[in-house]
Amino acid sequence: MTFTVDLSEYFRKIYTGFPDRDFNLVAAFISHVENNGLTGWKGLTKSSASVPLDYPDREERVALAKEFNLWHSHIGFPLWVPPRDGSSYPYTSDWVIHYQRFPSQDRIRIVDYRHHDPFNLPTRDDMK
């Protein structure tokens, strides 16, 4: 299954300035999604509406994630961390790529790339 991958205006501006290492990780993610969809990506991929119960602004985060169909995938920077249970999938990493997921259209729009901890969602402006 092939997907279309779009970049938000914000992400397009910052992506061209990434160090080669980060640029190449994101390019690998884009290539994988264009050719395979999100199936088989090595990194953990999940809805950003899965917010831990102890976050003080949990309701706002869940609402934003649902409004914009926000998801995130671990990207492998600085390195891939294998699952704690010894299985082969999914891996995690310190950095994630944030995107809007449009399953009915087989399309995503990448909106941000940032450190996973603390977990901050993209802003509304990032999604333009």
Protein backbone atom coordinates (compact mmCIF):
# COMPACT_ATOMS: atom_id res chain seq x y z
CA MET A 1 0.00 0.00 0.00
CA THR A 2 1.44 3.36 -0.97
CA PHE A 3 0.83 6.60 0.88
CA THR A 4 1.18 10.23 -0.03
CA VAL A 5 3.41 12.20 2.34
CA ASP A 6 2.93 15.96 2.58
CA LEU A 7 4.90 18.43 4.67
CA SER A 8 3.33 21.33 6.56
CA GLU A 9 4.69 24.77 5.71
CA TYR A 10 6.36 24.90 9.12
CA PHE A 11 8.01 21.51 8.72
CA ARG A 12 9.13 22.26 5.17
CA LYS A 13 10.98 25.35 6.48
CA ILE A 14 12.80 23.55 9.30
CA TYR A 15 13.49 20.30 7.43
CA THR A 16 15.89 21.86 4.94
CA GLY A 17 18.06 23.09 7.83
CA PHE A 18 18.38 19.71 9.58
CA PRO A 19 21.82 18.19 10.09
CA ASP A 20 22.45 15.37 7.59
CA ARG A 21 21.83 12.69 10.21
CA ASP A 22 18.33 13.99 11.06
CA PHE A 23 17.52 14.81 7.44
CA ASN A 24 18.38 11.25 6.41
CA LEU A 25 16.30 9.68 9.21
CA VAL A 26 13.27 11.70 8.17
CA ALA A 27 13.92 10.93 4.49
CA ALA A 28 14.02 7.20 5.34
CA PHE A 29 10.69 7.52 7.16
CA ILE A 30 9.14 9.37 4.21
CA SER A 31 10.42 6.77 1.75
CA HIS A 32 9.11 3.91 3.88
CA VAL A 33 5.65 5.47 4.23
CA GLU A 34 5.42 6.33 0.53
CA ASN A 35 6.25 2.73 -0.41
CA ASN A 36 4.64 0.73 2.42
CA GLY A 37 2.32 3.00 4.35
CA LEU A 38 2.93 2.88 8.09
CA THR A 39 3.01 -0.92 8.08
CA GLY A 40 6.38 -2.37 8.99
CA TRP A 41 8.02 0.83 10.22
CA LYS A 42 10.61 -0.22 12.82
CA GLY A 43 9.63 2.46 15.32
CA LEU A 44 6.67 2.59 17.65
CA THR A 45 3.79 4.37 15.95
CA LYS A 46 0.77 5.54 17.91
CA SER A 47 -1.96 8.08 18.22
CA SER A 48 -0.87 11.21 20.06
CA ALA A 49 -4.25 11.17 21.82
CA SER A 50 -2.83 8.43 24.08
CA VAL A 51 -1.83 10.88 26.80
CA PRO A 52 -0.78 9.58 30.23
CA LEU A 53 -3.36 10.13 32.94
CA ASP A 54 -0.98 12.16 35.12
CA TYR A 55 -0.45 15.00 32.61
CA PRO A 56 -2.04 18.13 34.12
CA ASP A 57 -3.23 19.36 30.71
CA ARG A 58 -4.29 15.92 29.50
CA GLU A 59 -7.76 16.96 28.31
CA GLU A 60 -6.37 19.78 26.14
CA ARG A 61 -3.73 17.50 24.63
CA VAL A 62 -6.23 14.76 23.83
CA ALA A 63 -8.60 17.31 22.26
CA LEU A 64 -5.84 18.80 20.07
CA ALA A 65 -4.57 15.38 19.00
CA LYS A 66 -8.07 14.24 18.05
CA GLU A 67 -8.97 17.50 16.28
CA PHE A 68 -5.91 17.26 14.03
CA ASN A 69 -5.61 13.44 13.84
CA LEU A 70 -2.12 13.65 15.34
CA TRP A 71 0.10 10.59 15.45
CA HIS A 72 3.80 10.14 16.09
CA SER A 73 6.45 7.59 15.19
CA HIS A 74 9.81 6.98 16.76
CA ILE A 75 12.50 7.85 14.24
CA GLY A 76 15.68 6.17 15.53
CA PHE A 77 17.62 9.14 16.89
CA PRO A 78 20.03 9.03 18.55
CA LEU A 79 19.62 5.26 18.38
CA TRP A 80 16.99 2.55 18.26
CA VAL A 81 16.06 1.04 21.64
CA PRO A 82 14.77 -2.53 21.40
CA PRO A 83 11.54 -3.53 23.14
CA ARG A 84 11.94 -4.41 26.82
CA ASP A 85 10.15 -7.72 26.37
CA GLY A 86 12.79 -9.00 23.94
CA SER A 87 10.47 -9.00 20.94
CA SER A 88 11.59 -7.67 17.59
CA TYR A 89 9.02 -4.85 17.33
CA PRO A 90 8.47 -1.98 17.96
CA TYR A 91 11.61 -0.04 18.71
CA THR A 92 11.64 3.35 20.41
CA SER A 93 14.02 6.31 20.38
CA ASP A 94 14.43 9.69 22.03
CA TRP A 95 13.10 11.58 19.00
CA VAL A 96 9.77 11.28 17.20
CA ILE A 97 8.21 12.61 14.06
CA HIS A 98 4.73 14.13 14.42
CA TYR A 99 2.19 13.93 11.63
CA GLN A 100 -1.46 14.19 10.81
CA ARG A 101 -2.89 10.89 9.66
CA PHE A 102 -5.62 10.73 7.04
CA PRO A 103 -6.34 6.99 6.76
CA SER A 104 -9.26 7.30 4.35
CA GLN A 105 -6.92 9.07 1.93
CA ASP A 106 -3.78 6.95 2.50
CA ARG A 107 -2.00 10.18 3.32
CA ILE A 108 -0.04 11.79 6.14
CA ARG A 109 1.21 15.35 6.64
CA ILE A 110 4.44 15.68 8.63
CA VAL A 111 4.19 18.63 11.00
CA ASP A 112 7.10 18.42 13.46
CA TYR A 113 10.16 16.54 14.70
CA ARG A 114 11.16 16.75 18.34
CA HIS A 115 12.37 15.06 21.48
CA HIS A 116 9.91 12.59 22.99
CA ASP A 117 10.53 13.56 26.63
CA PRO A 118 8.92 15.79 27.56
CA PHE A 119 6.20 14.91 25.09
CA ASN A 120 4.89 18.11 23.56
CA LEU A 121 2.42 18.22 20.72
CA PRO A 122 2.91 20.44 17.69
CA THR A 123 1.17 23.80 17.84
CA ARG A 124 -1.73 24.78 15.62
CA ASP A 125 0.67 26.98 13.64
CA ASP A 126 2.96 24.00 13.00
CA MET A 127 0.12 22.30 11.16
CA LYS A 128 -0.45 24.96 8.51
